[in-house]
Amino acid sequence: MLRRLAAGLALSLATAGVALAAPPFWAVRDADSTLYLFGTMHVLTPEADWRTPAFDRAVRDSAQLWFEMDAEIAPDEIAKLLQTFGVDRETPLADKVPPATMTALRAALKDQPALLAMAEQMQPWAAAMVVQVLPMIEAGLTMSAGADSTLTREGKAGGKTLRYFETAEAQLRFFSELPPAVQVQFLDDSLETVGASDEDQLAIQKSWIDGDLDRLAPEILDQMRLQRPPLYDALVRRRNAAWVTVLARELAGQGVAMVNVGALHMVGDDGLVAQLKARGFEVERIQ
């Protein structure tokens, strides 16, 4: 009964336009359409409690669900694409990065000899992703528990139309085409996260669940924008601009849809929220 009352109170507050302490979630409206914007976290612990009645109702009302890419793509397909775009069997990684970077990578993967052997034949951007995922796994965060994968499975099971801004191939090709110097920066930045404790990783999850973008954005997004402008331009600014063009076209139609992309794509002057406001759309933060 208490849970039911709490859920009813949360729903009534959301309906009244009160921003709840919950993962970031907006509504964009015009005369005949509504587009929900949900800033996701790609990896979460299985026990993470991030759903709210207002969010679940928006999912139910949405005929279409948009994602960056298909989060439930088959692992063997990802492996084939990674072989194509992320592996270089002719030139080892050690010939592409500074000695200090290679030393740091070997230290980071010293307890994972098989993974290190793979990384030494990877492009710098692919090695960076390998490094990034290790502390997440150690903290119990998984892709399958992430908001994107969860909503993808629900959408498929519920017969909703799933749409994607990018294909897996296009996304990996995008990373592979980053300039060599930018790829090395990406790897260096990823190596700096190796020492992060489980508490550090879970603190990011908690900030997201609490909707605390004031903590997330400066620590991650602003740092990239100020210290790694080419990387920020490639990973954030250009992709956001392309997505907003698609969404503006969608809003010219009718109906209800939900966009589920990484939370950091929503915030800042280059975020989807600011760009849609700049185009004259009414944007309301729900939680």
Foldseek 3Di string as FASTA:
>chain_A
DVVVVVLVVLVVCLVVQHFAQAFWKKWWDDDFEIEIEGAWDQWDALPDDGDHPVVVVLLVFALEEEEQEQLPPDPVVLVVLCCVQWFAPPDWVPVLEDPVLLVLLCVLCVVPVVVNVRLRGTQLLVSLVVLQCVQCVVLRIDSCSIPNNVSSVVCVVVVGHYHHPDYSNRVSVLSSPQPSVLSNVSNVVSSVCSPPHSVNVVVVVSCSGSNVVVVVCCVPVVCCCVVPVSNNCSPAQVSLVSVLVVVVVVNVDHGYYYYYYHNNLQDDCSHSVNVVVVVPIDMRISD
